[in-house]
Amino acid sequence: MAKGRLATNLEYGALRCACALVNIVPYRAAMAAARGLGVIAFRVFRFKRRRTLERIMSVFPEKSRREAEAIAVQSLQNVLMTGVEMMRAPSLDRAWMDRYVRDGLMYKDRLQSYVDEGRGVVIMVPHCGNWYMAAWSMAKYGLPLFAIAARQRNPKINAWMTRHYGDIEVLDRDDRDTLARIRERLSAGRAFAILPDLRVRKRDVDAPFFGGTANVSRAGAMFAVHCGCPIVVAMMRREGGRHVFDHLGTLRPDPAATDRKTEAARLTRQALGMLDANIRRYPGEWYWYNKRWILEPPEAS
């Protein structure tokens, strides 16, 4: 028990020290440091280098090794920059969003128009760019947003992350009442931000993706089908030191569909097609270092 408390305190202490350091340094200098660290981690320490390059070249066989390496470096830099922004999240106010999120208020108004229909909206954003920024910025501009997240094993880090979600209501993914609470909030006309789970291990929906077949969760689409609300498929990416919210499309459940699971699977495949096309345009924004690769086969039942 004592060892558990010691590990908890050491992990949390290390996190708070890192946060203090990151917040002392000016934002642009911290981001430059993150980019430099990404280069060092890939070029010098060869962080997951072989496996990551194999993944990239399997999706883009037409690219040279040098091009694949550039994608891998950019992807790693992006994750490190996202970490910097996560540590600085409490200080990212609306004025910061005005400066660093391009056309943020315009996108909020567009999403608000779906909320105003009265049935809520499901917003699907994958692990691209700073995916947290999609939620942070929209919440700062006043979108009634909620999401779900898994509870962290370290209770102090879990509390820290909860504080850093800021204006977003975050439901515990593993709470037995969470599914009912999601439907309740959508029915009340709120916006549900969800990272489409592209790495599920048990069989769900087979969807064409990256030239292969991905096993994808239909959960986000199921909520939309149940509540009769639209699905916004979007992607956050970095461009010129700013964040860009790409609205890829809006999907609507067929009200005449009799099989909800089949309809949710159809919508899920459509969403994956949109994401596939945009990630191919901006491959460096995608997180190629996932522990569970998206095209790995699901576990046997």
C-alpha atoms as a PDB file:
ATOM      1  CA  MET A   1       0.000   0.000   0.000  1.00  0.00           C
ATOM      2  CA  ALA A   2       2.822   2.394   0.951  1.00  0.00           C
ATOM      3  CA  LYS A   3       4.643   1.594  -2.301  1.00  0.00           C
ATOM      4  CA  GLY A   4       1.482   2.407  -4.211  1.00  0.00           C
ATOM      5  CA  ARG A   5       1.262   5.809  -2.521  1.00  0.00           C
ATOM      6  CA  LEU A   6       4.934   6.439  -3.229  1.00  0.00           C
ATOM      7  CA  ALA A   7       4.539   5.631  -6.938  1.00  0.00           C
ATOM      8  CA  THR A   8       1.426   7.807  -7.102  1.00  0.00           C
ATOM      9  CA  ASN A   9       3.194  10.771  -5.543  1.00  0.00           C
ATOM     10  CA  LEU A  10       6.347  10.349  -7.637  1.00  0.00           C
ATOM     11  CA  GLU A  11       4.374  10.230 -10.902  1.00  0.00           C
ATOM     12  CA  TYR A  12       2.284  13.219  -9.934  1.00  0.00           C
ATOM     13  CA  GLY A  13       5.321  15.156  -8.717  1.00  0.00           C
ATOM     14  CA  ALA A  14       7.143  14.541 -11.998  1.00  0.00           C
ATOM     15  CA  LEU A  15       4.087  15.736 -13.919  1.00  0.00           C
ATOM     16  CA  ARG A  16       3.774  18.916 -11.874  1.00  0.00           C
ATOM     17  CA  CYS A  17       7.474  19.677 -12.299  1.00  0.00           C
ATOM     18  CA  ALA A  18       7.167  19.243 -16.061  1.00  0.00           C
ATOM     19  CA  CYS A  19       4.087  21.497 -16.054  1.00  0.00           C
ATOM     20  CA  ALA A  20       5.911  24.190 -14.102  1.00  0.00           C
ATOM     21  CA  LEU A  21       8.812  24.130 -16.544  1.00  0.00           C
ATOM     22  CA  VAL A  22       6.596  24.194 -19.623  1.00  0.00           C
ATOM     23  CA  ASN A  23       4.551  27.107 -18.256  1.00  0.00           C
ATOM     24  CA  ILE A  24       7.625  29.193 -17.405  1.00  0.00           C
ATOM     25  CA  VAL A  25       8.882  29.053 -20.983  1.00  0.00           C
ATOM     26  CA  PRO A  26       7.055  31.255 -23.541  1.00  0.00           C
ATOM     27  CA  TYR A  27       4.586  29.310 -25.664  1.00  0.00           C
ATOM     28  CA  ARG A  28       6.459  29.546 -28.948  1.00  0.00           C
ATOM     29  CA  ALA A  29       9.760  28.610 -27.325  1.00  0.00           C
ATOM     30  CA  ALA A  30       8.115  25.583 -25.688  1.00  0.00           C
ATOM     31  CA  MET A  31       6.709  24.497 -29.037  1.00  0.00           C
ATOM     32  CA  ALA A  32      10.113  24.910 -30.706  1.00  0.00           C
ATOM     33  CA  ALA A  33      11.643  22.754 -27.973  1.00  0.00           C
ATOM     34  CA  ALA A  34       8.976  20.086 -28.565  1.00  0.00           C
ATOM     35  CA  ARG A  35       9.747  20.047 -32.286  1.00  0.00           C
ATOM     36  CA  GLY A  36      13.462  19.726 -31.589  1.00  0.00           C
ATOM     37  CA  LEU A  37      12.879  16.911 -29.121  1.00  0.00           C
ATOM     38  CA  GLY A  38      10.819  15.109 -31.760  1.00  0.00           C
ATOM     39  CA  VAL A  39      13.735  15.189 -34.188  1.00  0.00           C
ATOM     40  CA  ILE A  40      16.163  13.944 -31.532  1.00  0.00           C
ATOM     41  CA  ALA A  41      13.822  11.163 -30.398  1.00  0.00           C
ATOM     42  CA  PHE A  42      13.435   9.883 -33.953  1.00  0.00           C
ATOM     43  CA  ARG A  43      16.916  10.492 -35.400  1.00  0.00           C
ATOM     44  CA  VAL A  44      19.098   9.805 -32.348  1.00  0.00           C
ATOM     45  CA  PHE A  45      17.113   7.535 -30.032  1.00  0.00           C
ATOM     46  CA  ARG A  46      15.260   5.908 -32.964  1.00  0.00           C
ATOM     47  CA  PHE A  47      11.979   5.929 -31.030  1.00  0.00           C
ATOM     48  CA  LYS A  48       9.744   3.189 -32.541  1.00  0.00           C
ATOM     49  CA  ARG A  49      11.435   4.059 -35.833  1.00  0.00           C
ATOM     50  CA  ARG A  50      11.358   0.767 -37.738  1.00  0.00           C
ATOM     51  CA  ARG A  51       7.768  -0.126 -36.895  1.00  0.00           C
ATOM     52  CA  THR A  52       6.471   3.370 -37.589  1.00  0.00           C
ATOM     53  CA  LEU A  53       8.190   3.591 -40.980  1.00  0.00           C
ATOM     54  CA  GLU A  54       6.797   0.182 -41.917  1.00  0.00           C
ATOM     55  CA  ARG A  55       3.297   1.428 -41.114  1.00  0.00           C
ATOM     56  CA  ILE A  56       3.680   4.612 -43.130  1.00  0.00           C
ATOM     57  CA  MET A  57       5.165   2.884 -46.175  1.00  0.00           C
ATOM     58  CA  SER A  58       2.482   0.196 -46.110  1.00  0.00           C
ATOM     59  CA  VAL A  59      -0.128   2.940 -46.499  1.00  0.00           C
ATOM     60  CA  PHE A  60       1.954   5.066 -48.903  1.00  0.00           C
ATOM     61  CA  PRO A  61       4.027   2.602 -50.971  1.00  0.00           C
ATOM     62  CA  GLU A  62       4.633   5.329 -53.531  1.00  0.00           C
ATOM     63  CA  LYS A  63       6.587   7.483 -51.057  1.00  0.00           C
ATOM     64  CA  SER A  64      10.354   7.334 -50.643  1.00  0.00           C
ATOM     65  CA  ARG A  65      11.954   6.426 -47.331  1.00  0.00           C
ATOM     66  CA  ARG A  66      12.967  10.055 -46.858  1.00  0.00           C
ATOM     67  CA  GLU A  67       9.348  11.154 -47.283  1.00  0.00           C
ATOM     68  CA  ALA A  68       8.182   8.491 -44.835  1.00  0.00           C
ATOM     69  CA  GLU A  69      10.753   9.658 -42.293  1.00  0.00           C
ATOM     70  CA  ALA A  70       9.546  13.242 -42.643  1.00  0.00           C
ATOM     71  CA  ILE A  71       5.973  12.088 -41.921  1.00  0.00           C
ATOM     72  CA  ALA A  72       7.134  10.100 -38.885  1.00  0.00           C
ATOM     73  CA  VAL A  73       9.081  13.047 -37.463  1.00  0.00           C
ATOM     74  CA  GLN A  74       6.179  15.457 -37.963  1.00  0.00           C
ATOM     75  CA  SER A  75       3.795  12.999 -36.280  1.00  0.00           C
ATOM     76  CA  LEU A  76       6.060  12.654 -33.245  1.00  0.00           C
ATOM     77  CA  GLN A  77       6.594  16.410 -33.038  1.00  0.00           C
ATOM     78  CA  ASN A  78       2.857  16.913 -33.150  1.00  0.00           C
ATOM     79  CA  VAL A  79       2.274  14.583 -30.187  1.00  0.00           C
ATOM     80  CA  LEU A  80       4.942  16.369 -28.146  1.00  0.00           C
ATOM     81  CA  MET A  81       3.441  19.772 -28.996  1.00  0.00           C
ATOM     82  CA  THR A  82       0.040  18.460 -27.945  1.00  0.00           C
ATOM     83  CA  GLY A  83       1.583  17.475 -24.614  1.00  0.00           C
ATOM     84  CA  VAL A  84       2.924  21.012 -24.183  1.00  0.00           C
ATOM     85  CA  GLU A  85      -0.514  22.473 -24.863  1.00  0.00           C
ATOM     86  CA  MET A  86      -2.146  20.009 -22.479  1.00  0.00           C
ATOM     87  CA  MET A  87       0.169  21.216 -19.707  1.00  0.00           C
ATOM     88  CA  ARG A  88      -0.669  24.829 -20.530  1.00  0.00           C
ATOM     89  CA  ALA A  89      -4.402  24.221 -20.962  1.00  0.00           C
ATOM     90  CA  PRO A  90      -5.626  26.299 -17.969  1.00  0.00           C
ATOM     91  CA  SER A  91      -4.038  29.429 -19.471  1.00  0.00           C
ATOM     92  CA  LEU A  92      -5.500  28.920 -22.957  1.00  0.00           C
ATOM     93  CA  ASP A  93      -8.328  31.434 -22.781  1.00  0.00           C
ATOM     94  CA  ARG A  94     -10.569  32.793 -25.503  1.00  0.00           C
ATOM     95  CA  ALA A  95      -8.046  35.463 -26.481  1.00  0.00           C
ATOM     96  CA  TRP A  96      -5.483  32.689 -27.019  1.00  0.00           C
ATOM     97  CA  MET A  97      -7.997  30.802 -29.161  1.00  0.00           C
ATOM     98  CA  ASP A  98      -8.602  33.914 -31.257  1.00  0.00           C
ATOM     99  CA  ARG A  99      -4.875  34.058 -31.957  1.00  0.00           C
ATOM    100  CA  TYR A 100      -4.011  30.404 -32.470  1.00  0.00           C
ATOM    101  CA  VAL A 101      -7.216  28.745 -33.767  1.00  0.00           C
ATOM    102  CA  ARG A 102      -8.040  29.896 -37.267  1.00  0.00           C
ATOM    103  CA  ASP A 103     -11.708  30.812 -37.779  1.00  0.00           C
ATOM    104  CA  GLY A 104     -12.588  29.169 -34.460  1.00  0.00           C
ATOM    105  CA  LEU A 105     -15.707  31.260 -33.865  1.00  0.00           C
ATOM    106  CA  MET A 106     -16.966  30.518 -37.387  1.00  0.00           C
ATOM    107  CA  TYR A 107     -16.707  26.772 -36.755  1.00  0.00           C
ATOM    108  CA  LYS A 108     -18.401  27.138 -33.386  1.00  0.00           C
ATOM    109  CA  ASP A 109     -21.343  28.913 -35.024  1.00  0.00           C
ATOM    110  CA  ARG A 110     -21.570  26.152 -37.603  1.00  0.00           C
ATOM    111  CA  LEU A 111     -21.702  23.474 -34.907  1.00  0.00           C
ATOM    112  CA  GLN A 112     -24.122  25.586 -32.875  1.00  0.00           C
ATOM    113  CA  SER A 113     -26.544  25.515 -35.818  1.00  0.00           C
ATOM    114  CA  TYR A 114     -26.798  21.729 -35.407  1.00  0.00           C
ATOM    115  CA  VAL A 115     -27.237  22.053 -31.646  1.00  0.00           C
ATOM    116  CA  ASP A 116     -30.038  24.547 -32.263  1.00  0.00           C
ATOM    117  CA  GLU A 117     -31.992  21.852 -34.102  1.00  0.00           C
ATOM    118  CA  GLY A 118     -32.715  20.498 -30.627  1.00  0.00           C
ATOM    119  CA  ARG A 119     -31.483  16.908 -30.866  1.00  0.00           C
ATOM    120  CA  GLY A 120     -27.820  17.458 -30.191  1.00  0.00           C
ATOM    121  CA  VAL A 121     -24.885  16.614 -32.429  1.00  0.00           C
ATOM    122  CA  VAL A 122     -22.136  13.974 -32.372  1.00  0.00           C
ATOM    123  CA  ILE A 123     -18.726  15.390 -33.349  1.00  0.00           C
ATOM    124  CA  MET A 124     -16.187  12.770 -34.466  1.00  0.00           C
ATOM    125  CA  VAL A 125     -12.551  13.913 -34.382  1.00  0.00           C
ATOM    126  CA  PRO A 126      -9.673  11.406 -34.779  1.00  0.00           C
ATOM    127  CA  HIS A 127      -6.177  11.407 -33.239  1.00  0.00           C
ATOM    128  CA  CYS A 128      -4.861  14.118 -35.561  1.00  0.00           C
ATOM    129  CA  GLY A 129      -3.255  17.457 -34.827  1.00  0.00           C
ATOM    130  CA  ASN A 130      -4.133  18.439 -31.271  1.00  0.00           C
ATOM    131  CA  TRP A 131      -7.427  16.589 -31.030  1.00  0.00           C
ATOM    132  CA  TYR A 132      -7.990  18.140 -27.584  1.00  0.00           C
ATOM    133  CA  MET A 133      -7.866  21.592 -29.161  1.00  0.00           C
ATOM    134  CA  ALA A 134     -10.979  20.841 -31.191  1.00  0.00           C
ATOM    135  CA  ALA A 135     -12.908  20.495 -27.932  1.00  0.00           C
ATOM    136  CA  TRP A 136     -11.104  23.182 -25.932  1.00  0.00           C
ATOM    137  CA  SER A 137     -11.625  25.856 -28.578  1.00  0.00           C
ATOM    138  CA  MET A 138     -15.276  25.098 -29.229  1.00  0.00           C
ATOM    139  CA  ALA A 139     -16.009  25.062 -25.488  1.00  0.00           C
ATOM    140  CA  LYS A 140     -14.211  28.393 -25.003  1.00  0.00           C
ATOM    141  CA  TYR A 141     -16.435  29.887 -27.679  1.00  0.00           C
ATOM    142  CA  GLY A 142     -19.523  28.691 -25.810  1.00  0.00           C
ATOM    143  CA  LEU A 143     -20.550  25.424 -27.479  1.00  0.00           C
ATOM    144  CA  PRO A 144     -22.381  23.232 -24.886  1.00  0.00           C
ATOM    145  CA  LEU A 145     -19.901  20.385 -25.157  1.00  0.00           C
ATOM    146  CA  PHE A 146     -19.418  17.125 -23.298  1.00  0.00           C
ATOM    147  CA  ALA A 147     -17.196  14.081 -23.806  1.00  0.00           C
ATOM    148  CA  ILE A 148     -16.159  10.793 -22.233  1.00  0.00           C
ATOM    149  CA  ALA A 149     -12.758   9.677 -20.971  1.00  0.00           C
ATOM    150  CA  ALA A 150     -11.250   6.716 -19.175  1.00  0.00           C
ATOM    151  CA  ARG A 151     -10.269   7.182 -15.555  1.00  0.00           C
ATOM    152  CA  GLN A 152      -6.500   7.315 -15.032  1.00  0.00           C
ATOM    153  CA  ARG A 153      -4.937   4.746 -12.709  1.00  0.00           C
ATOM    154  CA  ASN A 154      -3.192   7.455 -10.729  1.00  0.00           C
ATOM    155  CA  PRO A 155      -5.978   9.340  -8.901  1.00  0.00           C
ATOM    156  CA  LYS A 156      -3.942  12.535  -8.626  1.00  0.00           C
ATOM    157  CA  ILE A 157      -3.190  12.553 -12.348  1.00  0.00           C
ATOM    158  CA  ASN A 158      -6.860  11.779 -13.015  1.00  0.00           C
ATOM    159  CA  ALA A 159      -7.873  14.852 -10.986  1.00  0.00           C
ATOM    160  CA  TRP A 160      -5.246  16.917 -12.819  1.00  0.00           C
ATOM    161  CA  MET A 161      -6.607  15.882 -16.205  1.00  0.00           C
ATOM    162  CA  THR A 162     -10.172  16.612 -15.098  1.00  0.00           C
ATOM    163  CA  ARG A 163      -9.141  20.165 -14.190  1.00  0.00           C
ATOM    164  CA  HIS A 164      -7.421  20.563 -17.546  1.00  0.00           C
ATOM    165  CA  TYR A 165     -10.558  19.649 -19.495  1.00  0.00           C
ATOM    166  CA  GLY A 166     -11.766  23.102 -18.461  1.00  0.00           C
ATOM    167  CA  ASP A 167     -15.199  24.048 -19.786  1.00  0.00           C
ATOM    168  CA  ILE A 168     -15.950  20.545 -21.105  1.00  0.00           C
ATOM    169  CA  GLU A 169     -18.105  18.191 -19.052  1.00  0.00           C
ATOM    170  CA  VAL A 170     -16.295  14.843 -19.061  1.00  0.00           C
ATOM    171  CA  LEU A 171     -18.153  11.637 -18.199  1.00  0.00           C
ATOM    172  CA  ASP A 172     -16.398   8.572 -16.847  1.00  0.00           C
ATOM    173  CA  ARG A 173     -16.255   6.050 -19.681  1.00  0.00           C
ATOM    174  CA  ASP A 174     -16.463   3.097 -17.312  1.00  0.00           C
ATOM    175  CA  ASP A 175     -19.385   4.314 -15.206  1.00  0.00           C
ATOM    176  CA  ARG A 176     -22.387   2.035 -15.646  1.00  0.00           C
ATOM    177  CA  ASP A 177     -24.718   5.023 -16.127  1.00  0.00           C
ATOM    178  CA  THR A 178     -22.593   6.735 -18.780  1.00  0.00           C
ATOM    179  CA  LEU A 179     -24.482   5.444 -21.833  1.00  0.00           C
ATOM    180  CA  ALA A 180     -27.794   6.681 -20.448  1.00  0.00           C
ATOM    181  CA  ARG A 181     -26.243  10.024 -19.521  1.00  0.00           C
ATOM    182  CA  ILE A 182     -24.868  10.492 -23.048  1.00  0.00           C
ATOM    183  CA  ARG A 183     -28.276   9.884 -24.607  1.00  0.00           C
ATOM    184  CA  GLU A 184     -29.877  12.185 -22.052  1.00  0.00           C
ATOM    185  CA  ARG A 185     -27.528  15.041 -22.906  1.00  0.00           C
ATOM    186  CA  LEU A 186     -27.882  14.578 -26.646  1.00  0.00           C
ATOM    187  CA  SER A 187     -31.660  14.570 -26.320  1.00  0.00           C
ATOM    188  CA  ALA A 188     -31.345  17.838 -24.407  1.00  0.00           C
ATOM    189  CA  GLY A 189     -29.593  19.361 -27.427  1.00  0.00           C
ATOM    190  CA  ARG A 190     -25.915  19.290 -26.443  1.00  0.00           C
ATOM    191  CA  ALA A 191     -22.791  18.499 -28.474  1.00  0.00           C
ATOM    192  CA  PHE A 192     -20.998  15.202 -27.848  1.00  0.00           C
ATOM    193  CA  ALA A 193     -17.304  15.157 -28.808  1.00  0.00           C
ATOM    194  CA  ILE A 194     -15.948  11.658 -29.374  1.00  0.00           C
ATOM    195  CA  LEU A 195     -12.709  10.207 -30.676  1.00  0.00           C
ATOM    196  CA  PRO A 196     -13.909   7.425 -32.984  1.00  0.00           C
ATOM    197  CA  ASP A 197     -12.279   4.300 -31.551  1.00  0.00           C
ATOM    198  CA  LEU A 198     -10.270   2.984 -34.468  1.00  0.00           C
ATOM    199  CA  ARG A 199      -8.374   0.401 -32.421  1.00  0.00           C
ATOM    200  CA  VAL A 200     -11.045  -1.848 -30.898  1.00  0.00           C
ATOM    201  CA  ARG A 201      -9.840  -5.381 -30.338  1.00  0.00           C
ATOM    202  CA  LYS A 202     -13.158  -7.205 -30.464  1.00  0.00           C
ATOM    203  CA  ARG A 203     -15.070  -7.506 -33.705  1.00  0.00           C
ATOM    204  CA  ASP A 204     -17.398  -4.603 -34.478  1.00  0.00           C
ATOM    205  CA  VAL A 205     -17.501  -2.830 -37.871  1.00  0.00           C
ATOM    206  CA  ASP A 206     -15.162  -3.727 -40.755  1.00  0.00           C
ATOM    207  CA  ALA A 207     -14.390  -0.517 -42.614  1.00  0.00           C
ATOM    208  CA  PRO A 208     -12.030   0.175 -45.547  1.00  0.00           C
ATOM    209  CA  PHE A 209      -9.197   2.357 -44.248  1.00  0.00           C
ATOM    210  CA  PHE A 210      -5.609   3.059 -45.281  1.00  0.00           C
ATOM    211  CA  GLY A 211      -5.831   0.454 -48.043  1.00  0.00           C
ATOM    212  CA  GLY A 212      -6.760  -2.285 -45.586  1.00  0.00           C
ATOM    213  CA  THR A 213      -9.645  -3.152 -43.298  1.00  0.00           C
ATOM    214  CA  ALA A 214     -10.003  -1.502 -39.904  1.00  0.00           C
ATOM    215  CA  ASN A 215     -12.098  -2.890 -37.079  1.00  0.00           C
ATOM    216  CA  VAL A 216     -13.954   0.186 -35.849  1.00  0.00           C
ATOM    217  CA  SER A 217     -16.367   0.934 -33.023  1.00  0.00           C
ATOM    218  CA  ARG A 218     -19.825   2.063 -34.117  1.00  0.00           C
ATOM    219  CA  ALA A 219     -20.532   3.630 -30.696  1.00  0.00           C
ATOM    220  CA  GLY A 220     -20.564   7.263 -31.824  1.00  0.00           C
ATOM    221  CA  ALA A 221     -22.889   6.509 -34.733  1.00  0.00           C
ATOM    222  CA  MET A 222     -25.178   4.449 -32.486  1.00  0.00           C
ATOM    223  CA  PHE A 223     -25.794   7.471 -30.259  1.00  0.00           C
ATOM    224  CA  ALA A 224     -26.677   9.536 -33.327  1.00  0.00           C
ATOM    225  CA  VAL A 225     -29.053   6.849 -34.604  1.00  0.00           C
ATOM    226  CA  HIS A 226     -30.776   6.501 -31.224  1.00  0.00           C
ATOM    227  CA  CYS A 227     -31.229  10.259 -30.811  1.00  0.00           C
ATOM    228  CA  GLY A 228     -31.829  11.114 -34.467  1.00  0.00           C
ATOM    229  CA  CYS A 229     -29.070  13.718 -34.452  1.00  0.00           C
ATOM    230  CA  PRO A 230     -26.414  14.571 -37.079  1.00  0.00           C
ATOM    231  CA  ILE A 231     -22.798  13.428 -37.035  1.00  0.00           C
ATOM    232  CA  VAL A 232     -20.127  16.004 -37.836  1.00  0.00           C
ATOM    233  CA  VAL A 233     -16.917  14.407 -39.091  1.00  0.00           C
ATOM    234  CA  ALA A 234     -13.967  16.720 -38.538  1.00  0.00           C
ATOM    235  CA  MET A 235     -10.208  16.819 -38.146  1.00  0.00           C
ATOM    236  CA  MET A 236      -7.952  19.205 -36.240  1.00  0.00           C
ATOM    237  CA  ARG A 237      -4.565  19.928 -37.767  1.00  0.00           C
ATOM    238  CA  ARG A 238      -1.690  22.381 -37.469  1.00  0.00           C
ATOM    239  CA  GLU A 239      -0.840  24.908 -40.147  1.00  0.00           C
ATOM    240  CA  GLY A 240       1.643  27.756 -39.855  1.00  0.00           C
ATOM    241  CA  GLY A 241       1.731  27.610 -36.061  1.00  0.00           C
ATOM    242  CA  ARG A 242      -2.068  27.704 -35.772  1.00  0.00           C
ATOM    243  CA  HIS A 243      -4.829  25.127 -35.414  1.00  0.00           C
ATOM    244  CA  VAL A 244      -7.293  24.491 -38.240  1.00  0.00           C
ATOM    245  CA  PHE A 245     -10.639  22.740 -37.780  1.00  0.00           C
ATOM    246  CA  ASP A 246     -11.466  20.870 -41.012  1.00  0.00           C
ATOM    247  CA  HIS A 247     -15.192  20.180 -41.297  1.00  0.00           C
ATOM    248  CA  LEU A 248     -15.157  17.088 -43.523  1.00  0.00           C
ATOM    249  CA  GLY A 249     -18.873  16.454 -43.716  1.00  0.00           C
ATOM    250  CA  THR A 250     -22.185  16.042 -41.916  1.00  0.00           C
ATOM    251  CA  LEU A 251     -23.930  12.670 -41.838  1.00  0.00           C
ATOM    252  CA  ARG A 252     -27.546  12.141 -40.851  1.00  0.00           C
ATOM    253  CA  PRO A 253     -29.156   8.858 -39.795  1.00  0.00           C
ATOM    254  CA  ASP A 254     -31.906   7.563 -42.035  1.00  0.00           C
ATOM    255  CA  PRO A 255     -35.131   7.953 -40.009  1.00  0.00           C
ATOM    256  CA  ALA A 256     -36.664   5.089 -42.005  1.00  0.00           C
ATOM    257  CA  ALA A 257     -33.917   2.627 -41.074  1.00  0.00           C
ATOM    258  CA  THR A 258     -35.365  -0.358 -39.201  1.00  0.00           C
ATOM    259  CA  ASP A 259     -32.074  -1.913 -38.075  1.00  0.00           C
ATOM    260  CA  ARG A 260     -30.221   0.594 -35.910  1.00  0.00           C
ATOM    261  CA  LYS A 261     -26.996  -1.408 -35.739  1.00  0.00           C
ATOM    262  CA  THR A 262     -26.816  -1.704 -39.517  1.00  0.00           C
ATOM    263  CA  GLU A 263     -27.504   2.003 -39.931  1.00  0.00           C
ATOM    264  CA  ALA A 264     -24.795   2.853 -37.395  1.00  0.00           C
ATOM    265  CA  ALA A 265     -22.349   0.623 -39.283  1.00  0.00           C
ATOM    266  CA  ARG A 266     -23.178   2.427 -42.556  1.00  0.00           C
ATOM    267  CA  LEU A 267     -22.566   5.827 -40.972  1.00  0.00           C
ATOM    268  CA  THR A 268     -19.334   4.614 -39.389  1.00  0.00           C
ATOM    269  CA  ARG A 269     -17.971   3.463 -42.746  1.00  0.00           C
ATOM    270  CA  GLN A 270     -18.912   6.792 -44.327  1.00  0.00           C
ATOM    271  CA  ALA A 271     -17.114   8.678 -41.564  1.00  0.00           C
ATOM    272  CA  LEU A 272     -14.011   6.510 -41.985  1.00  0.00           C
ATOM    273  CA  GLY A 273     -13.977   7.243 -45.709  1.00  0.00           C
ATOM    274  CA  MET A 274     -13.934  10.986 -45.018  1.00  0.00           C
ATOM    275  CA  LEU A 275     -11.173  10.647 -42.445  1.00  0.00           C
ATOM    276  CA  ASP A 276      -9.096   8.407 -44.720  1.00  0.00           C
ATOM    277  CA  ALA A 277      -9.164  10.992 -47.523  1.00  0.00           C
ATOM    278  CA  ASN A 278      -8.146  13.899 -45.287  1.00  0.00           C
ATOM    279  CA  ILE A 279      -5.421  12.035 -43.397  1.00  0.00           C
ATOM    280  CA  ARG A 280      -3.904  11.102 -46.760  1.00  0.00           C
ATOM    281  CA  ARG A 281      -3.763  14.822 -47.551  1.00  0.00           C
ATOM    282  CA  TYR A 282      -2.050  15.590 -44.226  1.00  0.00           C
ATOM    283  CA  PRO A 283      -0.325  12.353 -43.158  1.00  0.00           C
ATOM    284  CA  GLY A 284       2.030  14.044 -40.706  1.00  0.00           C
ATOM    285  CA  GLU A 285      -0.958  15.049 -38.568  1.00  0.00           C
ATOM    286  CA  TRP A 286      -1.929  11.430 -37.882  1.00  0.00           C
ATOM    287  CA  TYR A 287      -0.617   9.619 -34.798  1.00  0.00           C
ATOM    288  CA  TRP A 288       1.364   6.768 -36.418  1.00  0.00           C
ATOM    289  CA  TYR A 289       2.815   5.636 -33.090  1.00  0.00           C
ATOM    290  CA  ASN A 290      -0.361   4.072 -31.660  1.00  0.00           C
ATOM    291  CA  LYS A 291       0.361   1.083 -29.426  1.00  0.00           C
ATOM    292  CA  ARG A 292      -2.399  -0.836 -31.155  1.00  0.00           C
ATOM    293  CA  TRP A 293      -2.184  -0.279 -34.892  1.00  0.00           C
ATOM    294  CA  ILE A 294      -5.502   0.402 -36.570  1.00  0.00           C
ATOM    295  CA  LEU A 295      -5.194  -2.402 -39.130  1.00  0.00           C
ATOM    296  CA  GLU A 296      -4.311  -5.106 -36.594  1.00  0.00           C
ATOM    297  CA  PRO A 297      -6.910  -7.908 -36.640  1.00  0.00           C
ATOM    298  CA  PRO A 298      -9.295  -8.000 -33.668  1.00  0.00           C
ATOM    299  CA  GLU A 299      -8.871 -10.553 -30.920  1.00  0.00           C
ATOM    300  CA  ALA A 300     -10.480 -13.933 -31.453  1.00  0.00           C
ATOM    301  CA  SER A 301     -13.764 -14.300 -29.573  1.00  0.00           C
END
